[in-house]
Amino acid sequence: MSPNVKGALFALLAFGIFSTHDVVVKVLGGIYSPIQIVFFSVLLSFPLAMVMLMRDASPGTLVPVHPWWLALRTVATVVTGVSAFYAFSVLPLAQTYAILFASPLLITVLAIPVLGETVRLRRWLAVLVGLAGVLVVLRPGDTDLSLGHLAALAAAVGGSLASIVVRKIGADERPVVMLLYPMMVTFIVMACALPFVYEPMPIEHLGLLGIIAAFAWVASRLVISAYQEGEAAIIAPMQYSQIIWATIFGYLFFDESIDRATAIGAGIIIASGLYIVLRESRSGNSENTPVLRTRSRSETGTTPRVSLFMRAAGKTPPRPDDHKDDSAT
């Protein structure tokens, strides 16, 4: 089995687990506030996070080199976590994924002011087409936009901003610093808000929260393995397989079906996102390639950015020419 095929299989399994994770979030979201779900998910993620962070052997302290950029990343991560969990709770799974899939488009746009990236005509056209797909999904004028739609958009923007900031300060900051601060602040903010929304939880629901934390970290580890095996041009597009799981799980568990507008809009967003990811995975095409080379999921506090774990472990994803002789590419 070639490295690319192995990496693709790891990624498909990872995103299948992520989709199952989101089903549990949706189930609990029908009962509890997203603040309560995020709080316990982060709390139960700490032991797993500490084990992985202990592998960061780079010298230094926990004092950030770029405190304001790190603060922006932390705020973006907190917003993403609450917004994404709320969107999954109130919107159909497929519709939520379709909106979140706009992240590569937003990263391309945000790379201009934050990274000084030059975006040429082809990528601008891909971004505009993808954003048109988002409008098709939202159907302004034909349907009422709910708080859930706004939350999904906020999660897409927040996750993209957090990813761009990693590229901006990643060469100077220790991975452990960029991982710990968002987790700690998410935990503290949720803890402060928890008394206003708390509902007593039976033991079986606490068990489901444990499943959320475990699934998030198992899936993240599989994504890391995928990028260590194969090329980003092969691995990154695997995230779009979640729309298939969303269709299946939505039908089986929530009596959901994809309407025509969502299907068309999702197709447009995925096509434009694929174009951007594949184009920017080519060597020399984009200065913000490291942002998209490890695309997986938006950070929620329970699922930190994959590239940071890879750096903490002293590993980086292979570049395209690392597998140039593979017949499977």
Protein backbone atom coordinates (compact mmCIF):
# COMPACT_ATOMS: atom_id res chain seq x y z
CA MET A 1 0.00 0.00 0.00
CA SER A 2 1.48 3.36 -1.02
CA PRO A 3 1.91 6.13 1.58
CA ASN A 4 -0.77 8.25 -0.10
CA VAL A 5 -3.35 5.47 -0.02
CA LYS A 6 -2.50 4.70 3.60
CA GLY A 7 -2.73 8.39 4.51
CA ALA A 8 -6.07 8.74 2.73
CA LEU A 9 -7.49 5.75 4.64
CA PHE A 10 -6.29 7.23 7.95
CA ALA A 11 -7.95 10.53 7.03
CA LEU A 12 -11.23 8.92 5.98
CA LEU A 13 -11.38 7.03 9.26
CA ALA A 14 -10.54 10.21 11.19
CA PHE A 15 -13.28 12.27 9.56
CA GLY A 16 -15.76 9.43 10.05
CA ILE A 17 -14.97 9.58 13.78
CA PHE A 18 -15.23 13.38 13.75
CA SER A 19 -18.69 13.08 12.19
CA THR A 20 -19.73 10.59 14.89
CA HIS A 21 -18.38 13.10 17.43
CA ASP A 22 -20.68 15.73 15.93
CA VAL A 23 -23.69 13.42 16.18
CA VAL A 24 -23.10 13.14 19.94
CA VAL A 25 -22.72 16.94 20.15
CA LYS A 26 -26.05 17.33 18.36
CA VAL A 27 -27.78 14.86 20.69
CA LEU A 28 -26.53 16.64 23.80
CA GLY A 29 -27.11 20.04 22.22
CA GLY A 30 -30.82 19.33 22.19
CA ILE A 31 -30.73 19.19 25.99
CA TYR A 32 -27.87 21.36 27.23
CA SER A 33 -26.31 24.73 26.41
CA PRO A 34 -23.24 24.63 24.15
CA ILE A 35 -21.39 26.38 26.97
CA GLN A 36 -21.93 23.38 29.24
CA ILE A 37 -20.97 20.92 26.52
CA VAL A 38 -17.78 22.81 25.63
CA PHE A 39 -16.81 23.16 29.31
CA PHE A 40 -16.98 19.45 30.07
CA SER A 41 -15.48 18.49 26.73
CA VAL A 42 -12.42 20.65 27.38
CA LEU A 43 -12.21 19.43 30.98
CA LEU A 44 -12.19 15.81 29.86
CA SER A 45 -9.68 16.59 27.11
CA PHE A 46 -7.00 17.92 29.47
CA PRO A 47 -5.48 14.53 30.42
CA LEU A 48 -5.09 13.55 26.76
CA ALA A 49 -3.73 16.98 25.91
CA MET A 50 -1.13 16.84 28.66
CA VAL A 51 0.18 13.49 27.45
CA MET A 52 0.69 14.85 23.95
CA LEU A 53 2.10 18.19 25.09
CA MET A 54 4.71 16.46 27.23
CA ARG A 55 6.34 15.41 23.96
CA ASP A 56 7.30 19.01 23.23
CA ALA A 57 10.98 19.00 24.16
CA SER A 58 11.79 22.45 22.77
CA PRO A 59 13.35 24.75 25.39
CA GLY A 60 11.53 27.82 26.60
CA THR A 61 8.85 29.13 28.90
CA LEU A 62 5.08 29.51 28.60
CA VAL A 63 5.41 33.28 28.16
CA PRO A 64 4.19 34.13 24.65
CA VAL A 65 6.50 35.93 22.25
CA HIS A 66 3.54 37.57 20.48
CA PRO A 67 0.92 38.06 23.22
CA TRP A 68 -1.53 40.11 21.13
CA TRP A 69 -1.53 37.68 18.21
CA LEU A 70 -1.91 34.81 20.66
CA ALA A 71 -4.79 36.67 22.34
CA LEU A 72 -6.49 37.04 18.95
CA ARG A 73 -6.00 33.34 18.24
CA THR A 74 -7.38 32.46 21.67
CA VAL A 75 -10.51 34.60 21.23
CA ALA A 76 -11.05 33.10 17.77
CA THR A 77 -10.77 29.58 19.18
CA VAL A 78 -13.24 30.26 22.00
CA VAL A 79 -15.76 31.76 19.56
CA THR A 80 -15.29 28.84 17.18
CA GLY A 81 -15.89 26.24 19.88
CA VAL A 82 -19.15 27.66 21.20
CA SER A 83 -20.42 28.64 17.75
CA ALA A 84 -19.68 25.27 16.14
CA PHE A 85 -21.26 23.29 18.97
CA TYR A 86 -24.36 25.49 18.87
CA ALA A 87 -24.64 25.22 15.07
CA PHE A 88 -24.45 21.42 15.22
CA SER A 89 -27.15 21.47 17.88
CA VAL A 90 -29.74 23.45 15.95
CA LEU A 91 -28.98 23.03 12.23
CA PRO A 92 -29.10 19.92 10.05
CA LEU A 93 -25.68 18.25 10.02
CA ALA A 94 -25.17 18.59 6.26
CA GLN A 95 -26.05 22.29 6.30
CA THR A 96 -23.61 22.95 9.15
CA TYR A 97 -20.80 21.15 7.34
CA ALA A 98 -21.52 23.01 4.10
CA ILE A 99 -21.02 26.36 5.85
CA LEU A 100 -17.94 25.20 7.78
CA PHE A 101 -16.40 23.99 4.51
CA ALA A 102 -15.97 27.65 3.57
CA SER A 103 -12.87 27.79 5.79
CA PRO A 104 -10.27 27.34 2.98
CA LEU A 105 -11.94 30.23 1.15
CA LEU A 106 -11.79 32.44 4.22
CA ILE A 107 -8.18 31.47 4.91
CA THR A 108 -7.27 32.59 1.40
CA VAL A 109 -8.91 35.99 2.01
CA LEU A 110 -7.48 36.45 5.53
CA ALA A 111 -3.99 35.62 4.25
CA ILE A 112 -3.98 38.98 2.43
CA PRO A 113 -4.08 41.35 5.47
CA VAL A 114 -2.47 38.99 8.01
CA LEU A 115 0.28 37.36 5.97
CA GLY A 116 0.70 39.88 3.18
CA GLU A 117 -0.23 37.18 0.68
CA THR A 118 -0.85 38.08 -2.95
CA VAL A 119 -3.97 36.35 -4.22
CA ARG A 120 -4.12 36.13 -7.99
CA LEU A 121 -7.14 36.05 -10.26
CA ARG A 122 -7.73 32.28 -10.31
CA ARG A 123 -7.87 31.98 -6.54
CA TRP A 124 -10.05 35.09 -6.27
CA LEU A 125 -12.47 33.51 -8.71
CA ALA A 126 -12.44 30.28 -6.67
CA VAL A 127 -13.16 32.27 -3.51
CA LEU A 128 -16.02 34.18 -5.13
CA VAL A 129 -17.53 30.97 -6.51
CA GLY A 130 -17.25 29.32 -3.09
CA LEU A 131 -18.86 32.27 -1.32
CA ALA A 132 -21.66 32.14 -3.88
CA GLY A 133 -22.10 28.52 -2.79
CA VAL A 134 -22.49 29.70 0.81
CA LEU A 135 -25.27 32.06 -0.31
CA VAL A 136 -26.96 29.16 -2.11
CA VAL A 137 -26.92 27.18 1.17
CA LEU A 138 -28.18 30.13 3.23
CA ARG A 139 -30.78 31.24 0.64
CA PRO A 140 -31.22 34.79 1.98
CA GLY A 141 -34.68 36.07 1.11
CA ASP A 142 -36.14 32.60 0.58
CA THR A 143 -35.64 31.39 4.13
CA ASP A 144 -35.16 33.05 7.49
CA LEU A 145 -31.56 33.09 8.66
CA SER A 146 -31.42 31.74 12.19
CA LEU A 147 -28.92 32.15 14.99
CA GLY A 148 -27.66 28.70 14.04
CA HIS A 149 -26.67 29.92 10.57
CA LEU A 150 -24.85 32.90 12.07
CA ALA A 151 -23.12 30.57 14.54
CA ALA A 152 -21.90 28.31 11.71
CA LEU A 153 -20.55 31.35 9.85
CA ALA A 154 -18.87 32.60 13.04
CA ALA A 155 -17.26 29.18 13.52
CA ALA A 156 -15.95 29.19 9.95
CA VAL A 157 -14.49 32.69 10.34
CA GLY A 158 -13.08 32.01 13.81
CA GLY A 159 -11.45 28.73 12.79
CA SER A 160 -9.91 30.34 9.71
CA LEU A 161 -8.56 33.27 11.72
CA ALA A 162 -7.04 30.94 14.33
CA SER A 163 -5.32 28.95 11.58
CA ILE A 164 -3.91 32.08 9.92
CA VAL A 165 -2.50 33.34 13.22
CA VAL A 166 -0.63 30.03 13.63
CA ARG A 167 1.07 30.71 10.30
CA LYS A 168 1.82 34.29 11.38
CA ILE A 169 3.53 33.52 14.69
CA GLY A 170 4.26 29.81 14.39
CA ALA A 171 7.97 30.26 13.66
CA ASP A 172 8.48 32.15 16.95
CA GLU A 173 6.01 30.61 19.41
CA ARG A 174 6.36 27.19 20.99
CA PRO A 175 3.59 24.78 19.95
CA VAL A 176 2.80 24.10 23.61
CA VAL A 177 2.10 27.82 24.13
CA MET A 178 -0.26 28.02 21.16
CA LEU A 179 -2.07 24.88 22.31
CA LEU A 180 -2.38 25.56 26.03
CA TYR A 181 -3.59 29.17 26.03
CA PRO A 182 -6.74 28.56 23.92
CA MET A 183 -7.60 25.45 25.95
CA MET A 184 -7.10 27.20 29.30
CA VAL A 185 -9.00 30.36 28.31
CA THR A 186 -11.84 28.30 26.80
CA PHE A 187 -12.08 26.36 30.06
CA ILE A 188 -12.05 29.52 32.21
CA VAL A 189 -14.57 31.43 30.10
CA MET A 190 -16.93 28.48 29.96
CA ALA A 191 -16.54 27.95 33.72
CA CYS A 192 -17.53 31.58 34.37
CA ALA A 193 -20.61 31.27 32.15
CA LEU A 194 -21.57 27.78 33.33
CA PRO A 195 -23.56 28.80 36.46
CA PHE A 196 -26.03 30.72 34.27
CA VAL A 197 -26.84 27.77 31.99
CA TYR A 198 -26.01 24.66 34.00
CA GLU A 199 -28.43 21.74 33.93
CA PRO A 200 -27.79 18.64 36.10
CA MET A 201 -26.44 15.78 34.01
CA PRO A 202 -27.07 12.08 34.58
CA ILE A 203 -24.08 9.75 34.45
CA GLU A 204 -24.90 8.52 30.94
CA HIS A 205 -24.70 12.07 29.58
CA LEU A 206 -21.36 12.59 31.30
CA GLY A 207 -20.29 9.41 29.55
CA LEU A 208 -21.33 10.93 26.22
CA LEU A 209 -19.19 13.97 27.00
CA GLY A 210 -16.29 11.63 27.62
CA ILE A 211 -16.98 10.07 24.22
CA ILE A 212 -16.86 13.54 22.62
CA ALA A 213 -13.42 14.19 24.14
CA ALA A 214 -12.10 10.73 23.26
CA PHE A 215 -13.40 10.83 19.68
CA ALA A 216 -11.93 14.29 19.11
CA TRP A 217 -8.47 13.22 20.22
CA VAL A 218 -8.49 9.84 18.47
CA ALA A 219 -9.59 11.50 15.24
CA SER A 220 -6.94 14.22 15.62
CA ARG A 221 -4.26 11.59 16.11
CA LEU A 222 -5.43 9.77 12.98
CA VAL A 223 -5.27 13.01 10.99
CA ILE A 224 -1.69 13.49 12.21
CA SER A 225 -0.85 9.96 11.06
CA ALA A 226 -2.49 10.69 7.71
CA TYR A 227 -0.36 13.77 7.11
CA GLN A 228 2.76 11.93 8.20
CA GLU A 229 2.05 9.27 5.59
CA GLY A 230 0.73 11.09 2.56
CA GLU A 231 0.73 14.36 0.65
CA ALA A 232 -1.45 17.25 1.73
CA ALA A 233 -2.99 17.35 -1.75
CA ILE A 234 -4.36 13.86 -1.06
CA ILE A 235 -5.15 14.18 2.66
CA ALA A 236 -6.74 17.63 2.97
CA PRO A 237 -9.67 16.95 0.59
CA MET A 238 -10.67 13.94 2.69
CA GLN A 239 -12.36 16.35 5.13
CA TYR A 240 -15.17 16.73 2.60
CA SER A 241 -16.14 13.09 3.20
CA GLN A 242 -17.94 14.42 6.29
CA ILE A 243 -20.82 15.54 4.07
CA ILE A 244 -21.45 11.87 3.24
CA TRP A 245 -21.48 10.92 6.91
CA ALA A 246 -23.71 13.91 7.65
CA THR A 247 -26.22 12.70 5.08
CA ILE A 248 -26.22 9.17 6.50
CA PHE A 249 -26.28 10.13 10.18
CA GLY A 250 -28.79 12.93 9.64
CA TYR A 251 -31.20 10.51 7.95
CA LEU A 252 -30.71 7.68 10.48
CA PHE A 253 -30.77 9.60 13.74
CA PHE A 254 -32.46 12.97 13.16
CA ASP A 255 -34.83 12.36 10.25
CA GLU A 256 -32.92 14.95 8.19
CA SER A 257 -32.59 15.07 4.43
CA ILE A 258 -30.49 17.33 2.23
CA ASP A 259 -32.63 19.77 0.28
CA ARG A 260 -31.66 20.76 -3.25
CA ALA A 261 -30.21 24.17 -2.31
CA THR A 262 -27.96 22.67 0.38
CA ALA A 263 -26.76 19.95 -2.00
CA ILE A 264 -25.98 22.42 -4.80
CA GLY A 265 -24.37 24.94 -2.45
CA ALA A 266 -22.27 22.28 -0.74
CA GLY A 267 -21.10 21.03 -4.13
CA ILE A 268 -20.03 24.53 -5.16
CA ILE A 269 -18.21 25.16 -1.86
CA ILE A 270 -16.43 21.80 -1.97
CA ALA A 271 -15.36 22.27 -5.61
CA SER A 272 -13.89 25.72 -4.95
CA GLY A 273 -12.28 24.55 -1.71
CA LEU A 274 -10.71 21.59 -3.49
CA TYR A 275 -9.29 23.89 -6.15
CA ILE A 276 -7.70 26.17 -3.56
CA VAL A 277 -6.32 23.36 -1.40
CA LEU A 278 -4.89 21.44 -4.35
CA ARG A 279 -3.40 24.56 -5.95
CA GLU A 280 -1.82 25.79 -2.72
CA SER A 281 -0.42 22.34 -1.96
CA ARG A 282 1.84 22.68 -4.96
CA SER A 283 5.33 23.82 -4.06
CA GLY A 284 5.92 27.54 -4.53
CA ASN A 285 2.35 28.49 -5.41
CA SER A 286 1.50 30.17 -2.12
CA GLU A 287 3.27 31.56 0.90
CA ASN A 288 0.40 30.39 3.11
CA THR A 289 0.77 26.76 2.02
CA PRO A 290 1.64 25.69 5.60
CA VAL A 291 -1.82 26.85 6.67
CA LEU A 292 -3.59 24.58 4.22
CA ARG A 293 -1.07 21.74 4.26
CA THR A 294 -2.52 20.52 7.55
CA ARG A 295 -6.18 21.42 7.08
CA SER A 296 -8.49 19.27 9.13
CA ARG A 297 -11.16 20.82 11.33
CA SER A 298 -11.75 24.20 12.87
CA GLU A 299 -10.29 24.43 16.36
CA THR A 300 -12.86 24.18 19.13
CA GLY A 301 -10.70 23.93 22.25
CA THR A 302 -11.27 20.17 22.27
CA THR A 303 -9.71 19.63 18.83
CA PRO A 304 -6.64 21.89 18.54
CA ARG A 305 -4.84 22.47 15.27
CA VAL A 306 -3.15 19.31 13.99
CA SER A 307 0.02 21.05 12.81
CA LEU A 308 0.84 22.16 16.35
CA PHE A 309 0.87 18.59 17.62
CA MET A 310 3.05 17.58 14.71
CA ARG A 311 5.52 20.34 15.48
CA ALA A 312 5.48 19.49 19.20
CA ALA A 313 6.42 15.92 18.29
CA GLY A 314 9.19 17.18 16.00
CA LYS A 315 7.40 16.03 12.84
CA THR A 316 6.08 17.84 9.81
CA PRO A 317 3.84 16.66 6.99
CA PRO A 318 5.60 15.57 3.79
CA ARG A 319 5.82 17.90 0.83
CA PRO A 320 4.64 16.94 -2.64
CA ASP A 321 8.06 15.87 -3.91
CA ASP A 322 8.50 13.49 -0.94
CA HIS A 323 6.22 11.02 -2.73
CA LYS A 324 6.85 12.01 -6.33
CA ASP A 325 7.60 8.38 -7.29
CA ASP A 326 4.39 6.95 -5.85
CA SER A 327 2.28 5.44 -8.57
CA ALA A 328 -0.91 6.04 -6.57
CA THR A 329 -0.74 9.84 -6.66
